[in-house]
Amino acid sequence: MASIGLSSAAHAGPARMLIIPRSDTNPIAVLDFDSLEDCEATADHVAQIRTPNASTLGLPGAWKANFKYGGSYRQEPRVAMLCLPSVNEIPAVADGLKAKDFYRDLYGEKKD
């Protein structure tokens, strides 16, 4: 099950990932997945990949760049990702997010 607490009672469906590079232009890329679990696993994977101190040519899954990463410390590219569940999974996902205080009501209305 997804790390945000998707219950087994939910009906799995397709998911969409929004990718927002944290730069001056902030374009958004969209990827489609067969399931929320696949989307979340991919987002977790990308979030954990370290930048290289050496060439990554021929190394699958590593960051690729047309410049040399320099300095004495690594600074990963700033990318934010959000997996959007299928409509029927939203209530279970929202419950998991509410439990961690990662979900809000913009208008302050309390709903049971």
PDB file of N, CA and C in Angstrom:
ATOM      1  N   MET A   1       0.831  -1.188   0.000  1.00  0.00           N
ATOM      2  CA  MET A   1       0.000   0.000   0.000  1.00  0.00           C
ATOM      3  C   MET A   1       0.871   1.246   0.000  1.00  0.00           C
ATOM      4  N   ALA A   2       0.347   2.324  -0.459  1.00  0.00           N
ATOM      5  CA  ALA A   2       1.102   3.567  -0.544  1.00  0.00           C
ATOM      6  C   ALA A   2       1.477   4.066   0.840  1.00  0.00           C
ATOM      7  N   SER A   3       2.561   4.782   0.913  1.00  0.00           N
ATOM      8  CA  SER A   3       3.060   5.248   2.193  1.00  0.00           C
ATOM      9  C   SER A   3       2.157   6.282   2.850  1.00  0.00           C
ATOM     10  N   ILE A   4       1.181   6.816   2.135  1.00  0.00           N
ATOM     11  CA  ILE A   4       0.303   7.813   2.727  1.00  0.00           C
ATOM     12  C   ILE A   4      -0.947   7.193   3.327  1.00  0.00           C
ATOM     13  N   GLY A   5      -1.019   5.899   3.390  1.00  0.00           N
ATOM     14  CA  GLY A   5      -2.092   5.249   4.103  1.00  0.00           C
ATOM     15  C   GLY A   5      -3.287   4.863   3.260  1.00  0.00           C
ATOM     16  N   LEU A   6      -3.098   4.534   2.018  1.00  0.00           N
ATOM     17  CA  LEU A   6      -4.190   4.085   1.175  1.00  0.00           C
ATOM     18  C   LEU A   6      -4.690   2.750   1.701  1.00  0.00           C
ATOM     19  N   SER A   7      -5.950   2.673   2.023  1.00  0.00           N
ATOM     20  CA  SER A   7      -6.473   1.440   2.596  1.00  0.00           C
ATOM     21  C   SER A   7      -6.733   0.406   1.512  1.00  0.00           C
ATOM     22  N   SER A   8      -6.750  -0.842   1.904  1.00  0.00           N
ATOM     23  CA  SER A   8      -7.001  -1.915   0.948  1.00  0.00           C
ATOM     24  C   SER A   8      -8.443  -1.902   0.460  1.00  0.00           C
ATOM     25  N   ALA A   9      -9.304  -1.157   1.138  1.00  0.00           N
ATOM     26  CA  ALA A   9     -10.700  -1.083   0.716  1.00  0.00           C
ATOM     27  C   ALA A   9     -10.883  -0.173  -0.499  1.00  0.00           C
ATOM     28  N   ALA A  10      -9.911   0.672  -0.772  1.00  0.00           N
ATOM     29  CA  ALA A  10     -10.025   1.573  -1.923  1.00  0.00           C
ATOM     30  C   ALA A  10      -9.827   0.794  -3.216  1.00  0.00           C
ATOM     31  N   HIS A  11     -10.466   1.261  -4.251  1.00  0.00           N
ATOM     32  CA  HIS A  11     -10.319   0.633  -5.561  1.00  0.00           C
ATOM     33  C   HIS A  11      -9.176   1.319  -6.300  1.00  0.00           C
ATOM     34  N   ALA A  12      -8.151   0.571  -6.617  1.00  0.00           N
ATOM     35  CA  ALA A  12      -6.990   1.145  -7.278  1.00  0.00           C
ATOM     36  C   ALA A  12      -7.338   1.591  -8.686  1.00  0.00           C
ATOM     37  N   GLY A  13      -6.720   2.664  -9.088  1.00  0.00           N
ATOM     38  CA  GLY A  13      -6.939   3.177 -10.432  1.00  0.00           C
ATOM     39  C   GLY A  13      -5.700   3.896 -10.913  1.00  0.00           C
ATOM     40  N   PRO A  14      -5.782   4.509 -12.074  1.00  0.00           N
ATOM     41  CA  PRO A  14      -4.620   5.214 -12.613  1.00  0.00           C
ATOM     42  C   PRO A  14      -4.276   6.434 -11.755  1.00  0.00           C
ATOM     43  N   ALA A  15      -3.049   6.896 -11.883  1.00  0.00           N
ATOM     44  CA  ALA A  15      -2.601   8.075 -11.148  1.00  0.00           C
ATOM     45  C   ALA A  15      -1.796   8.957 -12.092  1.00  0.00           C
ATOM     46  N   ARG A  16      -1.679  10.203 -11.736  1.00  0.00           N
ATOM     47  CA  ARG A  16      -0.936  11.171 -12.530  1.00  0.00           C
ATOM     48  C   ARG A  16       0.037  11.887 -11.610  1.00  0.00           C
ATOM     49  N   MET A  17       1.276  12.038 -12.078  1.00  0.00           N
ATOM     50  CA  MET A  17       2.289  12.746 -11.303  1.00  0.00           C
ATOM     51  C   MET A  17       2.516  14.125 -11.893  1.00  0.00           C
ATOM     52  N   LEU A  18       2.481  15.133 -11.029  1.00  0.00           N
ATOM     53  CA  LEU A  18       2.874  16.480 -11.418  1.00  0.00           C
ATOM     54  C   LEU A  18       4.314  16.666 -10.970  1.00  0.00           C
ATOM     55  N   ILE A  19       5.176  17.111 -11.872  1.00  0.00           N
ATOM     56  CA  ILE A  19       6.576  17.364 -11.565  1.00  0.00           C
ATOM     57  C   ILE A  19       6.818  18.849 -11.764  1.00  0.00           C
ATOM     58  N   ILE A  20       7.290  19.506 -10.720  1.00  0.00           N
ATOM     59  CA  ILE A  20       7.526  20.938 -10.775  1.00  0.00           C
ATOM     60  C   ILE A  20       9.006  21.197 -10.493  1.00  0.00           C
ATOM     61  N   PRO A  21       9.778  21.519 -11.519  1.00  0.00           N
ATOM     62  CA  PRO A  21      11.174  21.900 -11.275  1.00  0.00           C
ATOM     63  C   PRO A  21      11.199  23.228 -10.532  1.00  0.00           C
ATOM     64  N   ARG A  22      11.964  23.305  -9.486  1.00  0.00           N
ATOM     65  CA  ARG A  22      12.042  24.519  -8.680  1.00  0.00           C
ATOM     66  C   ARG A  22      13.065  25.458  -9.300  1.00  0.00           C
ATOM     67  N   SER A  23      12.619  26.224 -10.289  1.00  0.00           N
ATOM     68  CA  SER A  23      13.495  27.155 -10.998  1.00  0.00           C
ATOM     69  C   SER A  23      12.749  28.458 -11.218  1.00  0.00           C
ATOM     70  N   ASP A  24      13.353  29.338 -11.980  1.00  0.00           N
ATOM     71  CA  ASP A  24      12.714  30.629 -12.243  1.00  0.00           C
ATOM     72  C   ASP A  24      11.463  30.500 -13.095  1.00  0.00           C
ATOM     73  N   THR A  25      11.422  29.511 -13.970  1.00  0.00           N
ATOM     74  CA  THR A  25      10.296  29.391 -14.891  1.00  0.00           C
ATOM     75  C   THR A  25       9.182  28.509 -14.356  1.00  0.00           C
ATOM     76  N   ASN A  26       9.484  27.564 -13.474  1.00  0.00           N
ATOM     77  CA  ASN A  26       8.506  26.662 -12.875  1.00  0.00           C
ATOM     78  C   ASN A  26       7.537  26.003 -13.864  1.00  0.00           C
ATOM     79  N   PRO A  27       8.042  25.382 -14.927  1.00  0.00           N
ATOM     80  CA  PRO A  27       7.121  24.620 -15.791  1.00  0.00           C
ATOM     81  C   PRO A  27       6.654  23.370 -15.059  1.00  0.00           C
ATOM     82  N   ILE A  28       5.593  22.799 -15.522  1.00  0.00           N
ATOM     83  CA  ILE A  28       5.064  21.577 -14.917  1.00  0.00           C
ATOM     84  C   ILE A  28       5.087  20.474 -15.964  1.00  0.00           C
ATOM     85  N   ALA A  29       5.588  19.322 -15.580  1.00  0.00           N
ATOM     86  CA  ALA A  29       5.533  18.136 -16.429  1.00  0.00           C
ATOM     87  C   ALA A  29       4.511  17.186 -15.811  1.00  0.00           C
ATOM     88  N   VAL A  30       3.894  16.363 -16.640  1.00  0.00           N
ATOM     89  CA  VAL A  30       2.887  15.422 -16.170  1.00  0.00           C
ATOM     90  C   VAL A  30       3.235  14.031 -16.683  1.00  0.00           C
ATOM     91  N   LEU A  31       3.238  13.056 -15.778  1.00  0.00           N
ATOM     92  CA  LEU A  31       3.448  11.655 -16.142  1.00  0.00           C
ATOM     93  C   LEU A  31       2.244  10.853 -15.693  1.00  0.00           C
ATOM     94  N   ASP A  32       1.834   9.885 -16.482  1.00  0.00           N
ATOM     95  CA  ASP A  32       0.713   9.015 -16.122  1.00  0.00           C
ATOM     96  C   ASP A  32       1.239   7.657 -15.674  1.00  0.00           C
ATOM     97  N   PHE A  33       0.584   7.070 -14.673  1.00  0.00           N
ATOM     98  CA  PHE A  33       0.944   5.769 -14.124  1.00  0.00           C
ATOM     99  C   PHE A  33      -0.296   4.888 -14.056  1.00  0.00           C
ATOM    100  N   ASP A  34      -0.074   3.596 -14.035  1.00  0.00           N
ATOM    101  CA  ASP A  34      -1.183   2.646 -13.934  1.00  0.00           C
ATOM    102  C   ASP A  34      -1.810   2.644 -12.546  1.00  0.00           C
ATOM    103  N   SER A  35      -1.028   3.033 -11.526  1.00  0.00           N
ATOM    104  CA  SER A  35      -1.563   3.005 -10.154  1.00  0.00           C
ATOM    105  C   SER A  35      -0.889   4.070  -9.308  1.00  0.00           C
ATOM    106  N   LEU A  36      -1.529   4.419  -8.202  1.00  0.00           N
ATOM    107  CA  LEU A  36      -0.956   5.353  -7.244  1.00  0.00           C
ATOM    108  C   LEU A  36       0.315   4.769  -6.647  1.00  0.00           C
ATOM    109  N   GLU A  37       0.337   3.482  -6.434  1.00  0.00           N
ATOM    110  CA  GLU A  37       1.515   2.829  -5.863  1.00  0.00           C
ATOM    111  C   GLU A  37       2.725   2.995  -6.781  1.00  0.00           C
ATOM    112  N   ASP A  38       2.530   2.829  -8.105  1.00  0.00           N
ATOM    113  CA  ASP A  38       3.624   3.016  -9.065  1.00  0.00           C
ATOM    114  C   ASP A  38       4.103   4.464  -9.064  1.00  0.00           C
ATOM    115  N   CYS A  39       3.172   5.389  -9.007  1.00  0.00           N
ATOM    116  CA  CYS A  39       3.510   6.808  -8.994  1.00  0.00           C
ATOM    117  C   CYS A  39       4.317   7.145  -7.739  1.00  0.00           C
ATOM    118  N   GLU A  40       3.836   6.715  -6.584  1.00  0.00           N
ATOM    119  CA  GLU A  40       4.527   7.002  -5.320  1.00  0.00           C
ATOM    120  C   GLU A  40       5.911   6.365  -5.286  1.00  0.00           C
ATOM    121  N   ALA A  41       6.043   5.136  -5.783  1.00  0.00           N
ATOM    122  CA  ALA A  41       7.351   4.470  -5.798  1.00  0.00           C
ATOM    123  C   ALA A  41       8.328   5.242  -6.683  1.00  0.00           C
ATOM    124  N   THR A  42       7.855   5.744  -7.812  1.00  0.00           N
ATOM    125  CA  THR A  42       8.701   6.521  -8.705  1.00  0.00           C
ATOM    126  C   THR A  42       9.107   7.844  -8.061  1.00  0.00           C
ATOM    127  N   ALA A  43       8.172   8.530  -7.433  1.00  0.00           N
ATOM    128  CA  ALA A  43       8.475   9.799  -6.759  1.00  0.00           C
ATOM    129  C   ALA A  43       9.491   9.577  -5.637  1.00  0.00           C
ATOM    130  N   ASP A  44       9.310   8.517  -4.851  1.00  0.00           N
ATOM    131  CA  ASP A  44      10.263   8.205  -3.774  1.00  0.00           C
ATOM    132  C   ASP A  44      11.647   7.938  -4.350  1.00  0.00           C
ATOM    133  N   HIS A  45      11.700   7.203  -5.462  1.00  0.00           N
ATOM    134  CA  HIS A  45      12.977   6.878  -6.112  1.00  0.00           C
ATOM    135  C   HIS A  45      13.686   8.151  -6.577  1.00  0.00           C
ATOM    136  N   VAL A  46      12.973   9.014  -7.299  1.00  0.00           N
ATOM    137  CA  VAL A  46      13.575  10.236  -7.821  1.00  0.00           C
ATOM    138  C   VAL A  46      14.056  11.126  -6.674  1.00  0.00           C
ATOM    139  N   ALA A  47      13.289  11.201  -5.601  1.00  0.00           N
ATOM    140  CA  ALA A  47      13.659  12.049  -4.468  1.00  0.00           C
ATOM    141  C   ALA A  47      14.942  11.585  -3.783  1.00  0.00           C
ATOM    142  N   GLN A  48      15.308  10.326  -3.953  1.00  0.00           N
ATOM    143  CA  GLN A  48      16.476   9.784  -3.251  1.00  0.00           C
ATOM    144  C   GLN A  48      17.741   9.706  -4.108  1.00  0.00           C
ATOM    145  N   ILE A  49      17.649   9.990  -5.408  1.00  0.00           N
ATOM    146  CA  ILE A  49      18.823   9.880  -6.274  1.00  0.00           C
ATOM    147  C   ILE A  49      19.772  11.047  -5.984  1.00  0.00           C
ATOM    148  N   ARG A  50      21.019  10.719  -5.671  1.00  0.00           N
ATOM    149  CA  ARG A  50      22.037  11.733  -5.378  1.00  0.00           C
ATOM    150  C   ARG A  50      22.659  12.241  -6.669  1.00  0.00           C
ATOM    151  N   THR A  51      23.146  13.482  -6.638  1.00  0.00           N
ATOM    152  CA  THR A  51      23.865  14.001  -7.790  1.00  0.00           C
ATOM    153  C   THR A  51      25.259  13.388  -7.819  1.00  0.00           C
ATOM    154  N   PRO A  52      25.795  13.235  -9.005  1.00  0.00           N
ATOM    155  CA  PRO A  52      27.100  12.585  -9.139  1.00  0.00           C
ATOM    156  C   PRO A  52      28.264  13.541  -8.923  1.00  0.00           C
ATOM    157  N   ASN A  53      29.366  12.978  -8.474  1.00  0.00           N
ATOM    158  CA  ASN A  53      30.631  13.714  -8.448  1.00  0.00           C
ATOM    159  C   ASN A  53      31.505  13.287  -9.616  1.00  0.00           C
ATOM    160  N   ALA A  54      31.025  12.347 -10.409  1.00  0.00           N
ATOM    161  CA  ALA A  54      31.760  11.827 -11.558  1.00  0.00           C
ATOM    162  C   ALA A  54      30.775  11.626 -12.707  1.00  0.00           C
ATOM    163  N   SER A  55      31.281  11.244 -13.854  1.00  0.00           N
ATOM    164  CA  SER A  55      30.449  11.028 -15.024  1.00  0.00           C
ATOM    165  C   SER A  55      29.429   9.917 -14.774  1.00  0.00           C
ATOM    166  N   THR A  56      28.228  10.114 -15.286  1.00  0.00           N
ATOM    167  CA  THR A  56      27.181   9.086 -15.189  1.00  0.00           C
ATOM    168  C   THR A  56      26.892   8.452 -16.537  1.00  0.00           C
ATOM    169  N   LEU A  57      27.744   8.702 -17.512  1.00  0.00           N
ATOM    170  CA  LEU A  57      27.544   8.089 -18.824  1.00  0.00           C
ATOM    171  C   LEU A  57      27.499   6.572 -18.675  1.00  0.00           C
ATOM    172  N   GLY A  58      26.474   5.966 -19.226  1.00  0.00           N
ATOM    173  CA  GLY A  58      26.327   4.516 -19.175  1.00  0.00           C
ATOM    174  C   GLY A  58      25.770   3.979 -17.865  1.00  0.00           C
ATOM    175  N   LEU A  59      25.422   4.852 -16.923  1.00  0.00           N
ATOM    176  CA  LEU A  59      24.868   4.417 -15.638  1.00  0.00           C
ATOM    177  C   LEU A  59      23.367   4.699 -15.627  1.00  0.00           C
ATOM    178  N   PRO A  60      22.549   3.668 -15.873  1.00  0.00           N
ATOM    179  CA  PRO A  60      21.099   3.873 -15.918  1.00  0.00           C
ATOM    180  C   PRO A  60      20.555   4.382 -14.577  1.00  0.00           C
ATOM    181  N   GLY A  61      19.617   5.294 -14.646  1.00  0.00           N
ATOM    182  CA  GLY A  61      18.936   5.774 -13.449  1.00  0.00           C
ATOM    183  C   GLY A  61      19.630   6.907 -12.728  1.00  0.00           C
ATOM    184  N   ALA A  62      20.807   7.334 -13.187  1.00  0.00           N
ATOM    185  CA  ALA A  62      21.523   8.432 -12.530  1.00  0.00           C
ATOM    186  C   ALA A  62      21.149   9.756 -13.189  1.00  0.00           C
ATOM    187  N   TRP A  63      21.302  10.858 -12.443  1.00  0.00           N
ATOM    188  CA  TRP A  63      21.072  12.170 -13.016  1.00  0.00           C
ATOM    189  C   TRP A  63      22.020  12.374 -14.186  1.00  0.00           C
ATOM    190  N   LYS A  64      21.525  12.959 -15.252  1.00  0.00           N
ATOM    191  CA  LYS A  64      22.329  13.311 -16.417  1.00  0.00           C
ATOM    192  C   LYS A  64      22.295  14.832 -16.554  1.00  0.00           C
ATOM    193  N   ALA A  65      23.435  15.418 -16.896  1.00  0.00           N
ATOM    194  CA  ALA A  65      23.508  16.864 -17.060  1.00  0.00           C
ATOM    195  C   ALA A  65      24.541  17.195 -18.117  1.00  0.00           C
ATOM    196  N   ASN A  66      24.406  18.380 -18.717  1.00  0.00           N
ATOM    197  CA  ASN A  66      25.379  18.820 -19.701  1.00  0.00           C
ATOM    198  C   ASN A  66      26.380  19.795 -19.073  1.00  0.00           C
ATOM    199  N   PHE A  67      26.576  19.677 -17.772  1.00  0.00           N
ATOM    200  CA  PHE A  67      27.551  20.472 -17.033  1.00  0.00           C
ATOM    201  C   PHE A  67      28.117  19.608 -15.918  1.00  0.00           C
ATOM    202  N   LYS A  68      29.244  20.026 -15.366  1.00  0.00           N
ATOM    203  CA  LYS A  68      29.862  19.297 -14.265  1.00  0.00           C
ATOM    204  C   LYS A  68      29.316  19.802 -12.942  1.00  0.00           C
ATOM    205  N   TYR A  69      28.878  18.888 -12.106  1.00  0.00           N
ATOM    206  CA  TYR A  69      28.521  19.271 -10.752  1.00  0.00           C
ATOM    207  C   TYR A  69      29.820  19.593 -10.031  1.00  0.00           C
ATOM    208  N   GLY A  70      29.882  20.702  -9.370  1.00  0.00           N
ATOM    209  CA  GLY A  70      31.139  21.090  -8.733  1.00  0.00           C
ATOM    210  C   GLY A  70      30.956  21.334  -7.250  1.00  0.00           C
ATOM    211  N   GLY A  71      32.037  21.725  -6.640  1.00  0.00           N
ATOM    212  CA  GLY A  71      32.001  22.041  -5.216  1.00  0.00           C
ATOM    213  C   GLY A  71      32.281  20.833  -4.353  1.00  0.00           C
ATOM    214  N   SER A  72      32.360  21.097  -3.068  1.00  0.00           N
ATOM    215  CA  SER A  72      32.690  20.033  -2.123  1.00  0.00           C
ATOM    216  C   SER A  72      31.453  19.328  -1.591  1.00  0.00           C
ATOM    217  N   TYR A  73      30.264  19.817  -1.926  1.00  0.00           N
ATOM    218  CA  TYR A  73      29.039  19.160  -1.486  1.00  0.00           C
ATOM    219  C   TYR A  73      28.099  18.984  -2.673  1.00  0.00           C
ATOM    220  N   ARG A  74      27.201  18.057  -2.519  1.00  0.00           N
ATOM    221  CA  ARG A  74      26.236  17.777  -3.584  1.00  0.00           C
ATOM    222  C   ARG A  74      24.988  18.617  -3.382  1.00  0.00           C
ATOM    223  N   GLN A  75      24.445  19.088  -4.463  1.00  0.00           N
ATOM    224  CA  GLN A  75      23.173  19.791  -4.408  1.00  0.00           C
ATOM    225  C   GLN A  75      22.283  19.204  -5.480  1.00  0.00           C
ATOM    226  N   GLU A  76      21.326  18.400  -5.051  1.00  0.00           N
ATOM    227  CA  GLU A  76      20.435  17.740  -5.995  1.00  0.00           C
ATOM    228  C   GLU A  76      19.556  18.774  -6.695  1.00  0.00           C
ATOM    229  N   PRO A  77      19.180  18.483  -7.936  1.00  0.00           N
ATOM    230  CA  PRO A  77      18.225  19.361  -8.615  1.00  0.00           C
ATOM    231  C   PRO A  77      16.949  19.477  -7.779  1.00  0.00           C
ATOM    232  N   ARG A  78      16.409  20.655  -7.707  1.00  0.00           N
ATOM    233  CA  ARG A  78      15.222  20.890  -6.881  1.00  0.00           C
ATOM    234  C   ARG A  78      13.980  20.564  -7.699  1.00  0.00           C
ATOM    235  N   VAL A  79      13.371  19.442  -7.371  1.00  0.00           N
ATOM    236  CA  VAL A  79      12.193  18.970  -8.081  1.00  0.00           C
ATOM    237  C   VAL A  79      11.133  18.613  -7.044  1.00  0.00           C
ATOM    238  N   ALA A  80       9.933  19.105  -7.243  1.00  0.00           N
ATOM    239  CA  ALA A  80       8.810  18.729  -6.391  1.00  0.00           C
ATOM    240  C   ALA A  80       7.883  17.835  -7.202  1.00  0.00           C
ATOM    241  N   MET A  81       7.391  16.757  -6.580  1.00  0.00           N
ATOM    242  CA  MET A  81       6.506  15.816  -7.261  1.00  0.00           C
ATOM    243  C   MET A  81       5.262  15.591  -6.419  1.00  0.00           C
ATOM    244  N   LEU A  82       4.141  15.457  -7.082  1.00  0.00           N
ATOM    245  CA  LEU A  82       2.886  15.168  -6.408  1.00  0.00           C
ATOM    246  C   LEU A  82       2.145  14.116  -7.214  1.00  0.00           C
ATOM    247  N   CYS A  83       1.781  13.012  -6.551  1.00  0.00           N
ATOM    248  CA  CYS A  83       0.991  11.967  -7.207  1.00  0.00           C
ATOM    249  C   CYS A  83      -0.479  12.214  -6.923  1.00  0.00           C
ATOM    250  N   LEU A  84      -1.235  12.368  -7.994  1.00  0.00           N
ATOM    251  CA  LEU A  84      -2.679  12.573  -7.883  1.00  0.00           C
ATOM    252  C   LEU A  84      -3.372  11.232  -8.052  1.00  0.00           C
ATOM    253  N   PRO A  85      -4.156  10.803  -7.072  1.00  0.00           N
ATOM    254  CA  PRO A  85      -4.833   9.503  -7.157  1.00  0.00           C
ATOM    255  C   PRO A  85      -6.026   9.568  -8.100  1.00  0.00           C
ATOM    256  N   SER A  86      -6.524   8.395  -8.432  1.00  0.00           N
ATOM    257  CA  SER A  86      -7.776   8.351  -9.180  1.00  0.00           C
ATOM    258  C   SER A  86      -8.876   8.901  -8.265  1.00  0.00           C
ATOM    259  N   VAL A  87      -9.967   9.330  -8.858  1.00  0.00           N
ATOM    260  CA  VAL A  87     -11.035   9.971  -8.096  1.00  0.00           C
ATOM    261  C   VAL A  87     -11.552   9.072  -6.970  1.00  0.00           C
ATOM    262  N   ASN A  88     -11.676   7.771  -7.217  1.00  0.00           N
ATOM    263  CA  ASN A  88     -12.218   6.895  -6.177  1.00  0.00           C
ATOM    264  C   ASN A  88     -11.228   6.652  -5.039  1.00  0.00           C
ATOM    265  N   GLU A  89      -9.954   7.006  -5.230  1.00  0.00           N
ATOM    266  CA  GLU A  89      -8.957   6.854  -4.164  1.00  0.00           C
ATOM    267  C   GLU A  89      -8.792   8.120  -3.320  1.00  0.00           C
ATOM    268  N   ILE A  90      -9.352   9.228  -3.761  1.00  0.00           N
ATOM    269  CA  ILE A  90      -9.159  10.498  -3.061  1.00  0.00           C
ATOM    270  C   ILE A  90      -9.578  10.438  -1.594  1.00  0.00           C
ATOM    271  N   PRO A  91     -10.730   9.901  -1.225  1.00  0.00           N
ATOM    272  CA  PRO A  91     -11.089   9.895   0.200  1.00  0.00           C
ATOM    273  C   PRO A  91     -10.063   9.178   1.086  1.00  0.00           C
ATOM    274  N   ALA A  92      -9.567   8.034   0.665  1.00  0.00           N
ATOM    275  CA  ALA A  92      -8.576   7.307   1.466  1.00  0.00           C
ATOM    276  C   ALA A  92      -7.258   8.067   1.523  1.00  0.00           C
ATOM    277  N   VAL A  93      -6.853   8.646   0.407  1.00  0.00           N
ATOM    278  CA  VAL A  93      -5.614   9.433   0.377  1.00  0.00           C
ATOM    279  C   VAL A  93      -5.761  10.657   1.272  1.00  0.00           C
ATOM    280  N   ALA A  94      -6.893  11.344   1.178  1.00  0.00           N
ATOM    281  CA  ALA A  94      -7.132  12.530   2.004  1.00  0.00           C
ATOM    282  C   ALA A  94      -7.087  12.171   3.490  1.00  0.00           C
ATOM    283  N   ASP A  95      -7.664  11.042   3.870  1.00  0.00           N
ATOM    284  CA  ASP A  95      -7.628  10.618   5.277  1.00  0.00           C
ATOM    285  C   ASP A  95      -6.193  10.434   5.759  1.00  0.00           C
ATOM    286  N   GLY A  96      -5.356   9.795   4.940  1.00  0.00           N
ATOM    287  CA  GLY A  96      -3.953   9.604   5.308  1.00  0.00           C
ATOM    288  C   GLY A  96      -3.212  10.924   5.428  1.00  0.00           C
ATOM    289  N   LEU A  97      -3.491  11.865   4.532  1.00  0.00           N
ATOM    290  CA  LEU A  97      -2.853  13.175   4.577  1.00  0.00           C
ATOM    291  C   LEU A  97      -3.336  13.992   5.774  1.00  0.00           C
ATOM    292  N   LYS A  98      -4.632  13.897   6.080  1.00  0.00           N
ATOM    293  CA  LYS A  98      -5.176  14.602   7.243  1.00  0.00           C
ATOM    294  C   LYS A  98      -4.542  14.096   8.526  1.00  0.00           C
ATOM    295  N   ALA A  99      -4.295  12.803   8.612  1.00  0.00           N
ATOM    296  CA  ALA A  99      -3.693  12.219   9.814  1.00  0.00           C
ATOM    297  C   ALA A  99      -2.297  12.775  10.068  1.00  0.00           C
ATOM    298  N   LYS A 100      -1.606  13.192   9.023  1.00  0.00           N
ATOM    299  CA  LYS A 100      -0.258  13.766   9.146  1.00  0.00           C
ATOM    300  C   LYS A 100      -0.288  15.296   9.123  1.00  0.00           C
ATOM    301  N   ASP A 101      -1.472  15.877   9.085  1.00  0.00           N
ATOM    302  CA  ASP A 101      -1.661  17.319   8.984  1.00  0.00           C
ATOM    303  C   ASP A 101      -1.047  17.871   7.698  1.00  0.00           C
ATOM    304  N   PHE A 102      -1.176  17.118   6.589  1.00  0.00           N
ATOM    305  CA  PHE A 102      -0.708  17.539   5.277  1.00  0.00           C
ATOM    306  C   PHE A 102      -1.878  17.884   4.354  1.00  0.00           C
ATOM    307  N   TYR A 103      -3.022  18.141   4.912  1.00  0.00           N
ATOM    308  CA  TYR A 103      -4.222  18.414   4.124  1.00  0.00           C
ATOM    309  C   TYR A 103      -4.934  19.562   4.811  1.00  0.00           C
ATOM    310  N   ARG A 104      -5.470  20.485   4.052  1.00  0.00           N
ATOM    311  CA  ARG A 104      -6.105  21.630   4.682  1.00  0.00           C
ATOM    312  C   ARG A 104      -7.404  22.021   4.004  1.00  0.00           C
ATOM    313  N   ASP A 105      -8.210  22.709   4.759  1.00  0.00           N
ATOM    314  CA  ASP A 105      -9.429  23.282   4.244  1.00  0.00           C
ATOM    315  C   ASP A 105      -9.164  24.780   4.110  1.00  0.00           C
ATOM    316  N   LEU A 106      -9.121  25.255   2.888  1.00  0.00           N
ATOM    317  CA  LEU A 106      -8.755  26.644   2.629  1.00  0.00           C
ATOM    318  C   LEU A 106      -9.729  27.649   3.240  1.00  0.00           C
ATOM    319  N   TYR A 107     -10.955  27.210   3.479  1.00  0.00           N
ATOM    320  CA  TYR A 107     -11.975  28.148   3.949  1.00  0.00           C
ATOM    321  C   TYR A 107     -12.359  27.934   5.409  1.00  0.00           C
ATOM    322  N   GLY A 108     -11.670  27.070   6.102  1.00  0.00           N
ATOM    323  CA  GLY A 108     -11.895  26.877   7.528  1.00  0.00           C
ATOM    324  C   GLY A 108     -13.187  26.156   7.878  1.00  0.00           C
ATOM    325  N   GLU A 109     -13.816  25.532   6.900  1.00  0.00           N
ATOM    326  CA  GLU A 109     -15.050  24.801   7.185  1.00  0.00           C
ATOM    327  C   GLU A 109     -14.706  23.444   7.744  1.00  0.00           C
ATOM    328  N   LYS A 110     -15.335  23.071   8.812  1.00  0.00           N
ATOM    329  CA  LYS A 110     -15.119  21.764   9.415  1.00  0.00           C
ATOM    330  C   LYS A 110     -16.165  20.801   8.879  1.00  0.00           C
ATOM    331  N   LYS A 111     -15.688  19.659   8.344  1.00  0.00           N
ATOM    332  CA  LYS A 111     -16.601  18.634   7.835  1.00  0.00           C
ATOM    333  C   LYS A 111     -16.334  17.354   8.576  1.00  0.00           C
ATOM    334  N   ASP A 112     -17.372  16.610   8.847  1.00  0.00           N
ATOM    335  CA  ASP A 112     -17.211  15.323   9.541  1.00  0.00           C
ATOM    336  C   ASP A 112     -16.869  14.229   8.578  1.00  0.00           C
TER     337      ASP A 112
END
